[in-house]
Amino acid sequence: MLSIVIPTLNDAHRIEATLARVLEADLNCEIIVADGGSTDGTAELLSRRGIKVALSARGRGTQLCAGAERAVGNWVLFLHADTRPGPGWTTVIKRFMADPNNHFRAAYFTFALDDRSPAARRLEKMVHWRCATLGLPYGDQGFLISRDFYDRLGGYKKIPLMEDVDLVSRIKNHRLEQLPASAVTSAEKFQRDGYILRSAKNILCLGLYFVGVPPETIVPLYR
C-alpha cells in the first residue's frame, strides 16, 4: 500500500488540482494531508471530501513528520500541495515499488513548471543539472521511499526549511533515482518574484544552510 502525504498551509486554491490528479490514479493508496494551521478553510475542505487531515504545528518538516506518523502504507510518497504528478506517473512508481532492489532506495520525479516561458525551461535545465551532478532533488519533485528506508534514515527533521535537503543528504547517491515522469509545480513564486531573483534567493538559502546557518534563521530570507 502507498501513503501519499501532502503538507498544506492556506492551499485551498491550489490543492484541488493536485488531489484530482492523485484521486484519478489506479493505485491502492491513502491520502494524508498535514495541515499547518490554515486559515483559508483548507482543512475543512479536505475533511468534507473524506481526506485524512493531520493537524500539525506550522513548518514543512514538522508537517511532513506528522503526516508520516499517520501513514500506514509500506511506501510513502511525499508531495507538495502545488505539485501535480505528470502523465505516466503511476506506471513508473508502481514499477519502482515492485522491484525488491529498491526497498532501500528512494526516487523523485523530473522537475517541470506550469509556465511556457523560456525562463521556465532554463530553470528546468538547471534543476536537471543539480540533480544529475549533485544528487540534490528538492521536495517539489516529490519523494518516494519505502517506510523501512524512511525509518532507517530517521525521517524528516522538524525544521521549517531545508527538510528535503537534509533528508536527501543522508542518502547515498546510488540509492537515489530520478523517475522518467514529471512533477509539474506551480511557477507562481517565480512569476511573482522573478526567475532570477527567486533562483538567487534559493541558491543563497542553500549555501547558508550548508555553512551551518540554522533553518529558522534562513526562513525570513526565503519568504
C-alpha atoms as a PDB file:
ATOM      1  CA  MET A   1       0.000   0.000   0.000  1.00  0.00           C
ATOM      2  CA  LEU A   2       1.113   3.543  -0.781  1.00  0.00           C
ATOM      3  CA  SER A   3       0.560   6.511   1.529  1.00  0.00           C
ATOM      4  CA  ILE A   4       0.612   9.946  -0.116  1.00  0.00           C
ATOM      5  CA  VAL A   5       1.493  12.731   2.317  1.00  0.00           C
ATOM      6  CA  ILE A   6       0.814  16.352   1.336  1.00  0.00           C
ATOM      7  CA  PRO A   7       1.710  19.313   3.619  1.00  0.00           C
ATOM      8  CA  THR A   8      -0.585  22.328   3.334  1.00  0.00           C
ATOM      9  CA  LEU A   9      -0.770  25.887   4.581  1.00  0.00           C
ATOM     10  CA  ASN A  10      -3.535  28.053   3.124  1.00  0.00           C
ATOM     11  CA  ASP A  11      -3.601  25.966  -0.053  1.00  0.00           C
ATOM     12  CA  ALA A  12      -7.354  25.785  -0.637  1.00  0.00           C
ATOM     13  CA  HIS A  13      -6.936  27.490  -4.023  1.00  0.00           C
ATOM     14  CA  ARG A  14      -4.363  25.006  -5.311  1.00  0.00           C
ATOM     15  CA  ILE A  15      -4.867  21.683  -3.541  1.00  0.00           C
ATOM     16  CA  GLU A  16      -7.847  20.674  -5.707  1.00  0.00           C
ATOM     17  CA  ALA A  17      -5.748  20.221  -8.852  1.00  0.00           C
ATOM     18  CA  THR A  18      -3.212  18.078  -7.015  1.00  0.00           C
ATOM     19  CA  LEU A  19      -5.917  15.963  -5.378  1.00  0.00           C
ATOM     20  CA  ALA A  20      -7.705  15.455  -8.687  1.00  0.00           C
ATOM     21  CA  ARG A  21      -4.527  14.051 -10.246  1.00  0.00           C
ATOM     22  CA  VAL A  22      -3.913  11.751  -7.278  1.00  0.00           C
ATOM     23  CA  LEU A  23      -7.514  10.554  -6.922  1.00  0.00           C
ATOM     24  CA  GLU A  24      -7.787   9.586 -10.585  1.00  0.00           C
ATOM     25  CA  ALA A  25      -4.797   7.262 -10.273  1.00  0.00           C
ATOM     26  CA  ASP A  26      -5.164   3.493 -10.329  1.00  0.00           C
ATOM     27  CA  LEU A  27      -3.384   2.981  -7.022  1.00  0.00           C
ATOM     28  CA  ASN A  28      -4.023   1.236  -3.735  1.00  0.00           C
ATOM     29  CA  CYS A  29      -3.302   4.281  -1.625  1.00  0.00           C
ATOM     30  CA  GLU A  30      -4.338   6.545   1.193  1.00  0.00           C
ATOM     31  CA  ILE A  31      -4.017  10.328   1.150  1.00  0.00           C
ATOM     32  CA  ILE A  32      -2.968  12.211   4.263  1.00  0.00           C
ATOM     33  CA  VAL A  33      -2.861  15.995   4.292  1.00  0.00           C
ATOM     34  CA  ALA A  34      -0.732  17.501   7.061  1.00  0.00           C
ATOM     35  CA  ASP A  35      -2.119  20.991   7.633  1.00  0.00           C
ATOM     36  CA  GLY A  36      -0.050  23.569   9.465  1.00  0.00           C
ATOM     37  CA  GLY A  37      -2.876  25.781  10.695  1.00  0.00           C
ATOM     38  CA  SER A  38      -4.525  27.056   7.520  1.00  0.00           C
ATOM     39  CA  THR A  39      -6.965  29.941   7.932  1.00  0.00           C
ATOM     40  CA  ASP A  40      -8.491  29.698   4.452  1.00  0.00           C
ATOM     41  CA  GLY A  41     -10.588  26.580   5.071  1.00  0.00           C
ATOM     42  CA  THR A  42      -8.092  24.104   3.610  1.00  0.00           C
ATOM     43  CA  ALA A  43      -8.557  21.525   6.381  1.00  0.00           C
ATOM     44  CA  GLU A  44     -12.345  21.823   6.317  1.00  0.00           C
ATOM     45  CA  LEU A  45     -12.421  21.463   2.534  1.00  0.00           C
ATOM     46  CA  LEU A  46     -10.383  18.287   2.689  1.00  0.00           C
ATOM     47  CA  SER A  47     -12.340  16.794   5.584  1.00  0.00           C
ATOM     48  CA  ARG A  48     -15.583  17.225   3.625  1.00  0.00           C
ATOM     49  CA  ARG A  49     -14.005  15.236   0.798  1.00  0.00           C
ATOM     50  CA  GLY A  50     -13.106  12.402   3.135  1.00  0.00           C
ATOM     51  CA  ILE A  51      -9.374  13.090   3.070  1.00  0.00           C
ATOM     52  CA  LYS A  52      -7.418  12.307   6.234  1.00  0.00           C
ATOM     53  CA  VAL A  53      -6.172  15.538   7.786  1.00  0.00           C
ATOM     54  CA  ALA A  54      -3.333  15.518  10.307  1.00  0.00           C
ATOM     55  CA  LEU A  55      -3.283  18.846  12.152  1.00  0.00           C
ATOM     56  CA  SER A  56       0.231  19.994  12.908  1.00  0.00           C
ATOM     57  CA  ALA A  57       2.324  22.899  14.061  1.00  0.00           C
ATOM     58  CA  ARG A  58       3.442  25.086  11.166  1.00  0.00           C
ATOM     59  CA  GLY A  59       6.659  24.151   9.386  1.00  0.00           C
ATOM     60  CA  ARG A  60       7.063  21.857   6.413  1.00  0.00           C
ATOM     61  CA  GLY A  61       9.415  19.438   8.188  1.00  0.00           C
ATOM     62  CA  THR A  62       7.102  19.240  11.184  1.00  0.00           C
ATOM     63  CA  GLN A  63       4.069  18.733   8.949  1.00  0.00           C
ATOM     64  CA  LEU A  64       5.754  16.010   6.896  1.00  0.00           C
ATOM     65  CA  CYS A  65       6.638  14.206  10.118  1.00  0.00           C
ATOM     66  CA  ALA A  66       3.039  14.475  11.305  1.00  0.00           C
ATOM     67  CA  GLY A  67       1.753  13.043   8.025  1.00  0.00           C
ATOM     68  CA  ALA A  68       4.285  10.210   8.051  1.00  0.00           C
ATOM     69  CA  GLU A  69       3.275   9.299  11.597  1.00  0.00           C
ATOM     70  CA  ARG A  70      -0.325   8.817  10.428  1.00  0.00           C
ATOM     71  CA  ALA A  71       0.677   6.835   7.325  1.00  0.00           C
ATOM     72  CA  VAL A  72       0.028   3.084   7.281  1.00  0.00           C
ATOM     73  CA  GLY A  73       1.465   2.263   3.847  1.00  0.00           C
ATOM     74  CA  ASN A  74       4.720   0.386   3.393  1.00  0.00           C
ATOM     75  CA  TRP A  75       5.661   3.031   0.808  1.00  0.00           C
ATOM     76  CA  VAL A  76       5.258   6.797   1.194  1.00  0.00           C
ATOM     77  CA  LEU A  77       5.089   9.476  -1.499  1.00  0.00           C
ATOM     78  CA  PHE A  78       5.638  12.984  -0.164  1.00  0.00           C
ATOM     79  CA  LEU A  79       4.102  15.569  -2.476  1.00  0.00           C
ATOM     80  CA  HIS A  80       3.766  19.350  -2.255  1.00  0.00           C
ATOM     81  CA  ALA A  81       0.310  20.903  -2.479  1.00  0.00           C
ATOM     82  CA  ASP A  82       1.187  22.862  -5.636  1.00  0.00           C
ATOM     83  CA  THR A  83       2.783  19.904  -7.425  1.00  0.00           C
ATOM     84  CA  ARG A  84       0.870  17.622  -9.785  1.00  0.00           C
ATOM     85  CA  PRO A  85       2.327  14.315 -10.955  1.00  0.00           C
ATOM     86  CA  GLY A  86       2.590  14.245 -14.748  1.00  0.00           C
ATOM     87  CA  PRO A  87       1.498  11.665 -17.347  1.00  0.00           C
ATOM     88  CA  GLY A  88       2.585   8.105 -16.651  1.00  0.00           C
ATOM     89  CA  TRP A  89       3.462   8.730 -13.032  1.00  0.00           C
ATOM     90  CA  THR A  90       1.524   5.775 -11.648  1.00  0.00           C
ATOM     91  CA  THR A  91       3.249   3.354 -14.020  1.00  0.00           C
ATOM     92  CA  VAL A  92       6.741   4.434 -13.018  1.00  0.00           C
ATOM     93  CA  ILE A  93       6.133   4.418  -9.279  1.00  0.00           C
ATOM     94  CA  LYS A  94       4.441   1.014  -9.445  1.00  0.00           C
ATOM     95  CA  ARG A  95       7.480  -0.300 -11.292  1.00  0.00           C
ATOM     96  CA  PHE A  96       9.837   1.247  -8.754  1.00  0.00           C
ATOM     97  CA  MET A  97       7.934  -0.120  -5.759  1.00  0.00           C
ATOM     98  CA  ALA A  98       7.633  -3.597  -7.297  1.00  0.00           C
ATOM     99  CA  ASP A  99      11.408  -4.001  -7.647  1.00  0.00           C
ATOM    100  CA  PRO A 100      12.786  -5.568  -4.436  1.00  0.00           C
ATOM    101  CA  ASN A 101      16.150  -3.927  -5.134  1.00  0.00           C
ATOM    102  CA  ASN A 102      14.509  -0.561  -4.438  1.00  0.00           C
ATOM    103  CA  HIS A 103      13.417  -1.353  -0.904  1.00  0.00           C
ATOM    104  CA  PHE A 104      16.295   0.692   0.483  1.00  0.00           C
ATOM    105  CA  ARG A 105      16.397   3.245  -2.300  1.00  0.00           C
ATOM    106  CA  ALA A 106      14.359   6.402  -2.946  1.00  0.00           C
ATOM    107  CA  ALA A 107      13.080   8.183  -6.040  1.00  0.00           C
ATOM    108  CA  TYR A 108      11.873  11.570  -7.212  1.00  0.00           C
ATOM    109  CA  PHE A 109      10.113  12.956 -10.283  1.00  0.00           C
ATOM    110  CA  THR A 110      11.601  15.069 -13.062  1.00  0.00           C
ATOM    111  CA  PHE A 111      11.121  18.768 -12.314  1.00  0.00           C
ATOM    112  CA  ALA A 112       8.725  20.766 -14.511  1.00  0.00           C
ATOM    113  CA  LEU A 113       6.901  24.099 -14.222  1.00  0.00           C
ATOM    114  CA  ASP A 114       3.418  25.079 -15.398  1.00  0.00           C
ATOM    115  CA  ASP A 115       4.824  28.023 -17.347  1.00  0.00           C
ATOM    116  CA  ARG A 116       5.608  28.075 -21.065  1.00  0.00           C
ATOM    117  CA  SER A 117       8.190  30.850 -20.854  1.00  0.00           C
ATOM    118  CA  PRO A 118      11.848  30.362 -21.889  1.00  0.00           C
ATOM    119  CA  ALA A 119      12.846  31.256 -18.323  1.00  0.00           C
ATOM    120  CA  ALA A 120      10.914  28.247 -17.034  1.00  0.00           C
ATOM    121  CA  ARG A 121      12.701  25.936 -19.485  1.00  0.00           C
ATOM    122  CA  ARG A 122      16.078  27.317 -18.399  1.00  0.00           C
ATOM    123  CA  LEU A 123      15.256  26.704 -14.759  1.00  0.00           C
ATOM    124  CA  GLU A 124      14.158  23.138 -15.514  1.00  0.00           C
ATOM    125  CA  LYS A 125      17.531  22.511 -17.155  1.00  0.00           C
ATOM    126  CA  MET A 126      19.331  23.943 -14.132  1.00  0.00           C
ATOM    127  CA  VAL A 127      17.386  21.658 -11.797  1.00  0.00           C
ATOM    128  CA  HIS A 128      18.162  18.670 -14.021  1.00  0.00           C
ATOM    129  CA  TRP A 129      21.876  19.543 -13.767  1.00  0.00           C
ATOM    130  CA  ARG A 130      21.654  19.914  -9.982  1.00  0.00           C
ATOM    131  CA  CYS A 131      20.010  16.523  -9.596  1.00  0.00           C
ATOM    132  CA  ALA A 132      22.316  14.737 -12.040  1.00  0.00           C
ATOM    133  CA  THR A 133      25.528  16.314 -10.746  1.00  0.00           C
ATOM    134  CA  LEU A 134      24.885  16.896  -7.053  1.00  0.00           C
ATOM    135  CA  GLY A 135      22.187  14.287  -6.395  1.00  0.00           C
ATOM    136  CA  LEU A 136      20.095  17.014  -4.776  1.00  0.00           C
ATOM    137  CA  PRO A 137      16.389  16.988  -5.663  1.00  0.00           C
ATOM    138  CA  TYR A 138      14.006  19.285  -3.798  1.00  0.00           C
ATOM    139  CA  GLY A 139      10.644  18.467  -2.261  1.00  0.00           C
ATOM    140  CA  ASP A 140       8.717  19.985  -5.165  1.00  0.00           C
ATOM    141  CA  GLN A 141       9.852  16.980  -7.224  1.00  0.00           C
ATOM    142  CA  GLY A 142       8.019  14.566  -4.955  1.00  0.00           C
ATOM    143  CA  PHE A 143       9.816  11.954  -2.886  1.00  0.00           C
ATOM    144  CA  LEU A 144       9.036   8.215  -2.968  1.00  0.00           C
ATOM    145  CA  ILE A 145      10.523   5.975  -0.298  1.00  0.00           C
ATOM    146  CA  SER A 146       9.729   2.717   1.474  1.00  0.00           C
ATOM    147  CA  ARG A 147       8.645   3.080   5.067  1.00  0.00           C
ATOM    148  CA  ASP A 148      11.509   0.864   6.214  1.00  0.00           C
ATOM    149  CA  PHE A 149      14.096   3.059   4.487  1.00  0.00           C
ATOM    150  CA  TYR A 150      12.419   6.249   5.739  1.00  0.00           C
ATOM    151  CA  ASP A 151      12.565   4.979   9.322  1.00  0.00           C
ATOM    152  CA  ARG A 152      16.155   3.766   8.928  1.00  0.00           C
ATOM    153  CA  LEU A 153      17.182   7.260   7.776  1.00  0.00           C
ATOM    154  CA  GLY A 154      15.419   8.846  10.734  1.00  0.00           C
ATOM    155  CA  GLY A 155      12.728  10.566   8.664  1.00  0.00           C
ATOM    156  CA  TYR A 156      12.295  14.281   8.148  1.00  0.00           C
ATOM    157  CA  LYS A 157      13.599  16.638  10.794  1.00  0.00           C
ATOM    158  CA  LYS A 158      11.099  19.032  12.354  1.00  0.00           C
ATOM    159  CA  ILE A 159      12.650  22.111  10.790  1.00  0.00           C
ATOM    160  CA  PRO A 160      10.850  24.912   8.904  1.00  0.00           C
ATOM    161  CA  LEU A 161      13.091  24.844   5.832  1.00  0.00           C
ATOM    162  CA  MET A 162      15.627  22.595   4.087  1.00  0.00           C
ATOM    163  CA  GLU A 163      13.955  19.459   5.419  1.00  0.00           C
ATOM    164  CA  ASP A 164      14.188  17.968   1.915  1.00  0.00           C
ATOM    165  CA  VAL A 165      17.883  18.785   1.538  1.00  0.00           C
ATOM    166  CA  ASP A 166      18.579  17.395   4.999  1.00  0.00           C
ATOM    167  CA  LEU A 167      16.909  14.056   4.282  1.00  0.00           C
ATOM    168  CA  VAL A 168      18.386  13.625   0.806  1.00  0.00           C
ATOM    169  CA  SER A 169      21.878  14.386   2.150  1.00  0.00           C
ATOM    170  CA  ARG A 170      21.562  11.246   4.295  1.00  0.00           C
ATOM    171  CA  ILE A 171      21.054   9.073   1.208  1.00  0.00           C
ATOM    172  CA  LYS A 172      23.998   7.805  -0.778  1.00  0.00           C
ATOM    173  CA  ASN A 173      23.819   8.986  -4.378  1.00  0.00           C
ATOM    174  CA  HIS A 174      23.498   5.490  -5.849  1.00  0.00           C
ATOM    175  CA  ARG A 175      20.393   4.948  -3.687  1.00  0.00           C
ATOM    176  CA  LEU A 176      18.531   7.855  -5.268  1.00  0.00           C
ATOM    177  CA  GLU A 177      16.833   7.667  -8.670  1.00  0.00           C
ATOM    178  CA  GLN A 178      15.116  10.178 -10.933  1.00  0.00           C
ATOM    179  CA  LEU A 179      11.895   8.721 -12.292  1.00  0.00           C
ATOM    180  CA  PRO A 180      11.004   9.078 -16.003  1.00  0.00           C
ATOM    181  CA  ALA A 181       7.838  11.052 -15.223  1.00  0.00           C
ATOM    182  CA  SER A 182       7.422  14.705 -14.367  1.00  0.00           C
ATOM    183  CA  ALA A 183       6.122  16.550 -11.343  1.00  0.00           C
ATOM    184  CA  VAL A 184       4.563  19.780 -12.589  1.00  0.00           C
ATOM    185  CA  THR A 185       4.947  22.511  -9.996  1.00  0.00           C
ATOM    186  CA  SER A 186       3.307  25.929  -9.852  1.00  0.00           C
ATOM    187  CA  ALA A 187       5.550  28.696 -11.189  1.00  0.00           C
ATOM    188  CA  GLU A 188       3.660  31.278  -9.130  1.00  0.00           C
ATOM    189  CA  LYS A 189       6.551  32.265  -6.846  1.00  0.00           C
ATOM    190  CA  PHE A 190       8.963  32.580  -9.782  1.00  0.00           C
ATOM    191  CA  GLN A 191       6.484  34.686 -11.752  1.00  0.00           C
ATOM    192  CA  ARG A 192       5.850  36.860  -8.697  1.00  0.00           C
ATOM    193  CA  ASP A 193       9.466  37.396  -7.617  1.00  0.00           C
ATOM    194  CA  GLY A 194      11.146  36.987 -10.998  1.00  0.00           C
ATOM    195  CA  TYR A 195      13.067  33.898 -12.098  1.00  0.00           C
ATOM    196  CA  ILE A 196      16.486  35.418 -11.488  1.00  0.00           C
ATOM    197  CA  LEU A 197      15.731  36.835  -8.031  1.00  0.00           C
ATOM    198  CA  ARG A 198      13.830  33.757  -6.818  1.00  0.00           C
ATOM    199  CA  SER A 199      16.553  31.406  -8.063  1.00  0.00           C
ATOM    200  CA  ALA A 200      19.258  33.561  -6.477  1.00  0.00           C
ATOM    201  CA  LYS A 201      17.387  33.502  -3.159  1.00  0.00           C
ATOM    202  CA  ASN A 202      17.100  29.731  -3.307  1.00  0.00           C
ATOM    203  CA  ILE A 203      20.828  29.326  -4.002  1.00  0.00           C
ATOM    204  CA  LEU A 204      21.693  31.746  -1.204  1.00  0.00           C
ATOM    205  CA  CYS A 205      19.443  29.889   1.259  1.00  0.00           C
ATOM    206  CA  LEU A 206      21.027  26.579   0.268  1.00  0.00           C
ATOM    207  CA  GLY A 207      24.524  27.996   0.691  1.00  0.00           C
ATOM    208  CA  LEU A 208      23.691  29.424   4.115  1.00  0.00           C
ATOM    209  CA  TYR A 209      22.300  26.065   5.198  1.00  0.00           C
ATOM    210  CA  PHE A 210      25.412  24.180   4.081  1.00  0.00           C
ATOM    211  CA  VAL A 211      27.702  26.527   6.017  1.00  0.00           C
ATOM    212  CA  GLY A 212      25.715  25.866   9.178  1.00  0.00           C
ATOM    213  CA  VAL A 213      23.180  28.692   9.448  1.00  0.00           C
ATOM    214  CA  PRO A 214      20.086  27.346  11.296  1.00  0.00           C
ATOM    215  CA  PRO A 215      16.989  26.884   9.087  1.00  0.00           C
ATOM    216  CA  GLU A 216      14.979  29.107  11.459  1.00  0.00           C
ATOM    217  CA  THR A 217      17.341  31.966  10.633  1.00  0.00           C
ATOM    218  CA  ILE A 218      17.052  31.388   6.880  1.00  0.00           C
ATOM    219  CA  VAL A 219      13.233  31.346   6.762  1.00  0.00           C
ATOM    220  CA  PRO A 220      12.697  35.161   6.601  1.00  0.00           C
ATOM    221  CA  LEU A 221      15.047  35.415   3.622  1.00  0.00           C
ATOM    222  CA  TYR A 222      13.321  32.533   1.834  1.00  0.00           C
ATOM    223  CA  ARG A 223       9.876  34.033   2.325  1.00  0.00           C
END
